[in-house]
Amino acid sequence: DTHIGDTVAGLVAALPGPVLSELVLSGLVDLFTCPGGSAARRRGVARVLGLAGRTDAAPALLAALADDTTPVAVRASAADALGALRHAAAAPLLAALATQEEQPGTLRAHAVRALGSIGVPDMLPVVLACARSPHEAVRGRAVVALGAFPVPEAARALGEFVTPGAEPDLARAAVRALREIGAPALPVLVRLAAGADGLPEDVGHRLVGALAARPEAEATGALLGLATAPPDRRDGETYATSGGHRLSGSAPAREAASLALAERGSARDLTPLTALLGPDSWFGAHETAVQALLRIGTEEAHEHVLAFCFGTKHFYTWHVGALDAVAAARGVRLGP
């Protein structure tokens, strides 16, 4: 059973160093290369060698990967192991396998994933080509692999997979990869933010999370744009408001951006928080923004809290608590 074999291999690789070293040195490489060995056993051994970081096994793994007579499952596991070892010398062979249409799709997919794990910069054109492959598994693994190349070219390619009509799994993987790329992906993330509410809800949330992970002012600006934009009633879900019969638009990315902004305000820049208290802001972030302003505790922050509370039409317990906190900070006694 493949799942059981992988589980056992993972457990063996996790053994304490002295035990694992003894096992490996006593013949795991020989077990992998042994003529007549079952494909399942060789798969498991390759996985152990990769997870255990046995770089001395790289030549044997490379030989198996290059041998067309080796079972595809064993060659795929050898590719995974070489990727786990980050064996740069394997990159040319992996690239050749990934781009050969006559090779089994499973093997090509494992090869491109290994290229991402190794991350040799010269392999970017190969991974970009695989991202446009008609083979679903190859395309999916290539999108994930692009996250290992922190350059604008990879980020721009990933942005093409984040559209309202894109395959949801690819869109999720692309956003995850953009987050891994970091700063070079910021322009793409900012551009995608403009259409975040048109994306599937979980993709929009992931996009907001990727922006929230960036400290740059451009990321804050994109989150502000999302949080303060009026929801488009043509998009998203609708739900009845409590006590009324009107329908209100639900914009999940807008709401996620609002909550993300609540973590970005500071005494030097209150804008991310004060924007959440504007007339068109999402009500669900009001309390969070007020509490953040109270924690900052400056006179300016308190003034914003007072202006918001005095301008609200419906008081809740947390509004009263906020006013009490400002009063206490100013030494004002309320009540008898």
Protein backbone atom coordinates (compact mmCIF):
# COMPACT_ATOMS: atom_id res chain seq x y z
CA ASP A 1 0.00 0.00 0.00
CA THR A 2 1.49 3.34 -1.09
CA HIS A 3 0.13 5.31 1.85
CA ILE A 4 1.40 2.78 4.40
CA GLY A 5 4.79 2.65 2.69
CA ASP A 6 5.12 6.45 2.76
CA THR A 7 4.06 6.55 6.40
CA VAL A 8 6.62 3.92 7.40
CA ALA A 9 9.31 5.72 5.42
CA GLY A 10 8.51 8.96 7.20
CA LEU A 11 8.71 7.25 10.59
CA VAL A 12 12.06 5.67 9.75
CA ALA A 13 13.46 9.00 8.55
CA ALA A 14 12.36 10.57 11.85
CA LEU A 15 14.33 8.09 13.97
CA PRO A 16 17.04 9.56 16.25
CA GLY A 17 20.31 10.34 14.50
CA PRO A 18 22.47 7.48 15.84
CA VAL A 19 19.84 4.83 15.05
CA LEU A 20 19.10 6.24 11.61
CA SER A 21 22.78 6.54 10.73
CA GLU A 22 23.34 2.90 11.61
CA LEU A 23 20.40 1.80 9.50
CA VAL A 24 21.44 3.88 6.54
CA LEU A 25 25.09 2.96 6.67
CA SER A 26 24.26 -0.73 6.97
CA GLY A 27 22.75 -0.88 3.53
CA LEU A 28 19.81 1.35 2.60
CA VAL A 29 21.53 2.44 -0.61
CA ASP A 30 22.27 -1.21 -1.39
CA LEU A 31 18.64 -2.03 -0.72
CA PHE A 32 17.58 0.65 -3.20
CA THR A 33 19.90 -0.61 -5.94
CA CYS A 34 19.41 -4.33 -5.26
CA PRO A 35 18.40 -6.16 -8.47
CA GLY A 36 14.94 -7.68 -8.24
CA GLY A 37 13.82 -5.48 -5.36
CA SER A 38 10.11 -4.64 -5.35
CA ALA A 39 9.05 -1.23 -6.60
CA ALA A 40 7.19 -0.54 -3.36
CA ARG A 41 10.29 -1.26 -1.26
CA ARG A 42 12.53 0.87 -3.48
CA ARG A 43 10.01 3.71 -3.32
CA GLY A 44 10.07 3.59 0.46
CA VAL A 45 13.86 3.46 0.62
CA ALA A 46 14.16 6.44 -1.74
CA ARG A 47 11.79 8.41 0.48
CA VAL A 48 13.84 7.59 3.58
CA LEU A 49 17.08 8.59 1.85
CA GLY A 50 15.63 11.93 0.84
CA LEU A 51 13.96 12.77 4.15
CA ALA A 52 17.07 11.71 6.08
CA GLY A 53 19.30 14.00 4.03
CA ARG A 54 21.56 11.23 2.77
CA THR A 55 23.46 13.13 0.09
CA ASP A 56 25.75 10.12 -0.41
CA ALA A 57 22.76 8.36 -1.99
CA ALA A 58 22.43 10.97 -4.76
CA PRO A 59 24.41 8.99 -7.40
CA ALA A 60 22.20 5.93 -6.94
CA LEU A 61 19.05 8.04 -7.06
CA LEU A 62 20.26 9.80 -10.21
CA ALA A 63 21.04 6.49 -11.90
CA ALA A 64 17.55 5.18 -11.17
CA LEU A 65 15.96 8.41 -12.38
CA ALA A 66 17.86 8.28 -15.67
CA ASP A 67 17.06 4.62 -16.35
CA ASP A 68 13.94 4.27 -18.52
CA THR A 69 13.64 0.61 -17.50
CA THR A 70 13.18 1.54 -13.84
CA PRO A 71 9.50 1.49 -12.77
CA VAL A 72 7.90 4.92 -13.03
CA ALA A 73 6.93 4.90 -9.34
CA VAL A 74 10.56 4.33 -8.33
CA ARG A 75 11.82 7.05 -10.69
CA ALA A 76 9.22 9.47 -9.30
CA SER A 77 10.34 8.71 -5.74
CA ALA A 78 13.96 9.18 -6.77
CA ALA A 79 13.04 12.60 -8.15
CA ASP A 80 11.31 13.48 -4.88
CA ALA A 81 14.36 12.34 -2.90
CA LEU A 82 16.74 14.39 -5.02
CA GLY A 83 14.48 17.39 -4.51
CA ALA A 84 14.45 16.81 -0.76
CA LEU A 85 18.24 16.62 -0.84
CA ARG A 86 18.34 19.85 -2.89
CA HIS A 87 20.89 18.12 -5.12
CA ALA A 88 21.69 20.86 -7.67
CA ALA A 89 23.53 18.44 -9.96
CA ALA A 90 20.23 16.67 -10.61
CA ALA A 91 18.59 19.80 -12.05
CA PRO A 92 19.56 19.22 -15.73
CA LEU A 93 18.18 15.67 -15.74
CA LEU A 94 15.04 16.74 -13.90
CA ALA A 95 14.53 19.58 -16.39
CA ALA A 96 14.90 17.21 -19.32
CA LEU A 97 12.36 14.80 -17.86
CA ALA A 98 9.92 17.57 -16.98
CA THR A 99 9.80 18.87 -20.54
CA GLN A 100 9.72 15.57 -22.45
CA GLU A 101 6.14 15.00 -23.56
CA GLU A 102 6.82 11.30 -24.16
CA GLN A 103 7.64 10.76 -20.48
CA PRO A 104 4.79 9.65 -18.16
CA GLY A 105 2.88 12.62 -16.77
CA THR A 106 3.38 11.40 -13.20
CA LEU A 107 7.14 11.38 -13.60
CA ARG A 108 7.14 14.82 -15.24
CA ALA A 109 5.06 16.21 -12.38
CA HIS A 110 7.47 14.84 -9.77
CA ALA A 111 10.43 16.17 -11.75
CA VAL A 112 9.09 19.73 -11.86
CA ARG A 113 8.26 19.59 -8.15
CA ALA A 114 11.85 18.55 -7.45
CA LEU A 115 13.08 21.50 -9.53
CA GLY A 116 11.10 23.77 -7.24
CA SER A 117 12.59 22.14 -4.16
CA ILE A 118 16.12 22.56 -5.51
CA GLY A 119 15.47 26.12 -6.72
CA VAL A 120 18.35 26.52 -9.19
CA PRO A 121 17.70 29.97 -10.78
CA ASP A 122 18.63 28.77 -14.28
CA MET A 123 15.71 26.32 -14.17
CA LEU A 124 13.07 29.07 -14.09
CA PRO A 125 12.36 28.93 -17.86
CA VAL A 126 11.71 25.20 -17.57
CA VAL A 127 9.28 25.63 -14.69
CA LEU A 128 7.53 28.50 -16.52
CA ALA A 129 7.09 26.26 -19.56
CA CYS A 130 5.69 23.48 -17.38
CA ALA A 131 3.19 25.92 -15.86
CA ARG A 132 1.67 26.20 -19.34
CA SER A 133 1.57 22.43 -19.88
CA PRO A 134 -1.77 20.92 -20.93
CA HIS A 135 -1.11 18.10 -18.46
CA GLU A 136 -3.00 18.96 -15.27
CA ALA A 137 -0.58 17.37 -12.81
CA VAL A 138 2.48 18.94 -14.46
CA ARG A 139 0.82 22.35 -14.55
CA GLY A 140 -0.23 22.13 -10.90
CA ARG A 141 3.21 21.11 -9.66
CA ALA A 142 4.85 23.85 -11.74
CA VAL A 143 2.65 26.53 -10.20
CA VAL A 144 3.71 25.39 -6.74
CA ALA A 145 7.35 25.21 -7.82
CA LEU A 146 7.33 28.82 -9.04
CA GLY A 147 7.13 29.90 -5.39
CA ALA A 148 10.80 28.90 -5.07
CA PHE A 149 11.89 31.54 -7.59
CA PRO A 150 11.74 34.99 -5.92
CA VAL A 151 11.81 37.05 -9.10
CA PRO A 152 9.20 39.29 -10.80
CA GLU A 153 8.96 37.01 -13.85
CA ALA A 154 7.74 34.10 -11.73
CA ALA A 155 5.32 36.39 -9.87
CA ARG A 156 3.81 37.72 -13.09
CA ALA A 157 3.30 34.19 -14.39
CA LEU A 158 1.56 33.19 -11.15
CA GLY A 159 -0.75 36.19 -11.36
CA GLU A 160 -2.23 34.75 -14.55
CA PHE A 161 -3.67 31.87 -12.55
CA VAL A 162 -5.56 34.11 -10.11
CA THR A 163 -8.69 35.14 -12.00
CA PRO A 164 -12.42 34.63 -11.38
CA GLY A 165 -12.55 31.91 -14.03
CA ALA A 166 -9.33 30.11 -13.10
CA GLU A 167 -9.18 26.57 -11.77
CA PRO A 168 -9.72 26.99 -8.00
CA ASP A 169 -6.91 24.61 -7.01
CA LEU A 170 -4.45 26.39 -9.29
CA ALA A 171 -5.57 29.80 -8.03
CA ARG A 172 -5.02 28.72 -4.41
CA ALA A 173 -1.60 27.30 -5.23
CA ALA A 174 -0.65 30.45 -7.15
CA VAL A 175 -1.55 32.76 -4.26
CA ARG A 176 0.40 30.55 -1.86
CA ALA A 177 3.40 30.68 -4.20
CA LEU A 178 3.13 34.47 -4.51
CA ARG A 179 3.26 34.72 -0.74
CA GLU A 180 6.40 32.55 -0.67
CA ILE A 181 8.08 34.74 -3.31
CA GLY A 182 7.82 37.74 -0.99
CA ALA A 183 8.70 41.30 -1.99
CA PRO A 184 9.12 40.66 -5.75
CA ALA A 185 5.48 39.51 -5.83
CA LEU A 186 4.08 42.65 -4.19
CA PRO A 187 3.16 44.51 -7.43
CA VAL A 188 1.23 41.45 -8.60
CA LEU A 189 -0.55 41.08 -5.25
CA VAL A 190 -1.53 44.76 -5.30
CA ARG A 191 -2.91 44.42 -8.82
CA LEU A 192 -4.88 41.29 -7.94
CA ALA A 193 -6.36 42.98 -4.88
CA ALA A 194 -8.51 45.20 -7.10
CA GLY A 195 -10.53 42.16 -8.14
CA ALA A 196 -10.32 40.14 -4.94
CA ASP A 197 -14.06 40.10 -4.25
CA GLY A 198 -14.65 38.50 -7.64
CA LEU A 199 -12.50 35.51 -6.68
CA PRO A 200 -13.73 32.40 -4.87
CA GLU A 201 -14.03 33.24 -1.18
CA ASP A 202 -11.10 31.15 0.05
CA VAL A 203 -8.86 32.46 -2.76
CA GLY A 204 -9.73 36.03 -1.80
CA HIS A 205 -8.90 35.27 1.82
CA ARG A 206 -5.54 33.80 0.82
CA LEU A 207 -4.80 36.88 -1.26
CA VAL A 208 -5.56 39.16 1.68
CA GLY A 209 -3.33 36.97 3.86
CA ALA A 210 -0.48 37.32 1.37
CA LEU A 211 -0.85 41.11 1.40
CA ALA A 212 -1.09 41.18 5.19
CA ALA A 213 2.23 39.31 5.38
CA ARG A 214 3.99 42.18 3.60
CA PRO A 215 5.08 45.19 5.72
CA GLU A 216 5.37 47.63 2.81
CA ALA A 217 3.18 50.72 2.47
CA GLU A 218 1.95 49.42 -0.89
CA ALA A 219 0.45 46.39 0.85
CA THR A 220 -1.26 48.62 3.42
CA GLY A 221 -2.64 50.75 0.59
CA ALA A 222 -4.05 47.70 -1.17
CA LEU A 223 -5.69 46.50 2.05
CA LEU A 224 -7.14 49.96 2.60
CA GLY A 225 -8.56 49.95 -0.90
CA LEU A 226 -10.22 46.62 -0.27
CA ALA A 227 -11.52 47.50 3.18
CA THR A 228 -13.04 50.85 2.23
CA ALA A 229 -14.47 49.98 -1.18
CA PRO A 230 -18.29 49.75 -1.11
CA PRO A 231 -19.35 46.14 -1.71
CA ASP A 232 -20.58 45.43 -5.23
CA ARG A 233 -24.14 44.21 -4.89
CA ARG A 234 -23.83 42.33 -8.16
CA ASP A 235 -21.20 40.06 -6.67
CA GLY A 236 -20.91 37.83 -3.65
CA GLU A 237 -23.64 36.44 -1.48
CA THR A 238 -26.57 38.30 0.05
CA TYR A 239 -28.23 37.84 3.39
CA ALA A 240 -31.13 39.44 5.21
CA THR A 241 -30.25 41.90 7.96
CA SER A 242 -31.63 41.20 11.40
CA GLY A 243 -34.92 42.96 12.06
CA GLY A 244 -35.35 44.15 8.49
CA HIS A 245 -36.22 42.90 5.07
CA ARG A 246 -33.42 44.48 3.04
CA LEU A 247 -30.54 42.53 1.56
CA SER A 248 -26.95 43.45 2.34
CA GLY A 249 -23.98 42.57 0.15
CA SER A 250 -21.36 40.24 1.58
CA ALA A 251 -17.79 40.88 0.39
CA PRO A 252 -15.56 38.31 2.11
CA ALA A 253 -12.24 39.74 0.88
CA ARG A 254 -13.32 43.21 2.04
CA GLU A 255 -14.06 41.84 5.48
CA ALA A 256 -10.80 39.91 5.68
CA ALA A 257 -8.87 43.02 4.63
CA SER A 258 -10.61 45.03 7.35
CA LEU A 259 -9.50 42.59 10.04
CA ALA A 260 -5.97 42.55 8.62
CA LEU A 261 -5.76 46.33 8.77
CA ALA A 262 -6.60 46.29 12.46
CA GLU A 263 -3.17 44.74 13.03
CA ARG A 264 -1.28 47.43 11.10
CA GLY A 265 -2.08 50.67 12.91
CA SER A 266 0.52 52.38 15.09
CA ALA A 267 0.96 55.59 17.02
CA ARG A 268 2.90 56.98 14.04
CA ASP A 269 0.19 56.05 11.54
CA LEU A 270 -3.42 55.65 12.65
CA THR A 271 -4.80 55.62 9.10
CA PRO A 272 -5.29 51.83 8.86
CA LEU A 273 -7.48 51.99 11.96
CA THR A 274 -9.35 55.23 11.36
CA ALA A 275 -10.25 54.07 7.86
CA LEU A 276 -12.10 51.15 9.46
CA LEU A 277 -14.36 53.58 11.30
CA GLY A 278 -15.52 55.49 8.22
CA PRO A 279 -19.17 55.65 7.07
CA ASP A 280 -18.74 52.98 4.37
CA SER A 281 -16.62 50.63 6.45
CA TRP A 282 -17.58 47.09 7.40
CA PHE A 283 -19.33 47.09 10.77
CA GLY A 284 -17.67 43.82 11.80
CA ALA A 285 -14.29 45.56 12.16
CA HIS A 286 -15.48 48.53 14.22
CA GLU A 287 -14.93 47.01 17.64
CA THR A 288 -11.55 45.58 16.65
CA ALA A 289 -10.39 48.97 15.33
CA VAL A 290 -11.58 50.81 18.45
CA GLN A 291 -9.82 48.34 20.73
CA ALA A 292 -6.61 48.77 18.73
CA LEU A 293 -6.86 52.56 19.08
CA LEU A 294 -7.38 52.19 22.81
CA ARG A 295 -4.26 50.03 23.06
CA ILE A 296 -2.24 52.70 21.23
CA GLY A 297 -3.54 55.10 23.83
CA THR A 298 -2.38 58.45 22.43
CA GLU A 299 -4.50 61.59 22.65
CA GLU A 300 -5.09 61.44 18.90
CA ALA A 301 -6.19 57.83 19.09
CA HIS A 302 -8.62 58.64 21.89
CA GLU A 303 -10.09 61.52 19.89
CA HIS A 304 -10.86 59.14 17.04
CA VAL A 305 -12.55 56.74 19.46
CA LEU A 306 -14.70 59.52 20.88
CA ALA A 307 -15.67 60.86 17.45
CA PHE A 308 -16.71 57.41 16.32
CA CYS A 309 -18.70 56.58 19.46
CA PHE A 310 -20.49 59.92 19.55
CA GLY A 311 -21.41 59.57 15.90
CA THR A 312 -22.85 56.08 16.12
CA LYS A 313 -26.61 55.55 16.15
CA HIS A 314 -26.76 52.31 18.10
CA PHE A 315 -24.74 51.82 21.27
CA TYR A 316 -23.54 48.40 22.30
CA THR A 317 -21.76 47.37 25.47
CA TRP A 318 -18.36 47.71 23.83
CA HIS A 319 -19.11 51.35 22.88
CA VAL A 320 -19.74 52.11 26.54
CA GLY A 321 -16.59 50.25 27.52
CA ALA A 322 -14.56 52.28 25.04
CA LEU A 323 -15.88 55.57 26.44
CA ASP A 324 -15.12 54.38 29.98
CA ALA A 325 -11.55 53.51 28.92
CA VAL A 326 -10.95 56.97 27.44
CA ALA A 327 -12.45 58.62 30.51
CA ALA A 328 -10.24 56.58 32.82
CA ALA A 329 -7.15 57.43 30.77
CA ARG A 330 -8.01 61.13 31.10
CA GLY A 331 -8.79 60.93 34.79
CA VAL A 332 -12.47 61.67 34.29
CA ARG A 333 -14.89 59.98 36.65
CA LEU A 334 -18.21 58.92 35.16
CA GLY A 335 -21.33 58.25 37.15
CA PRO A 336 -21.98 58.73 40.89
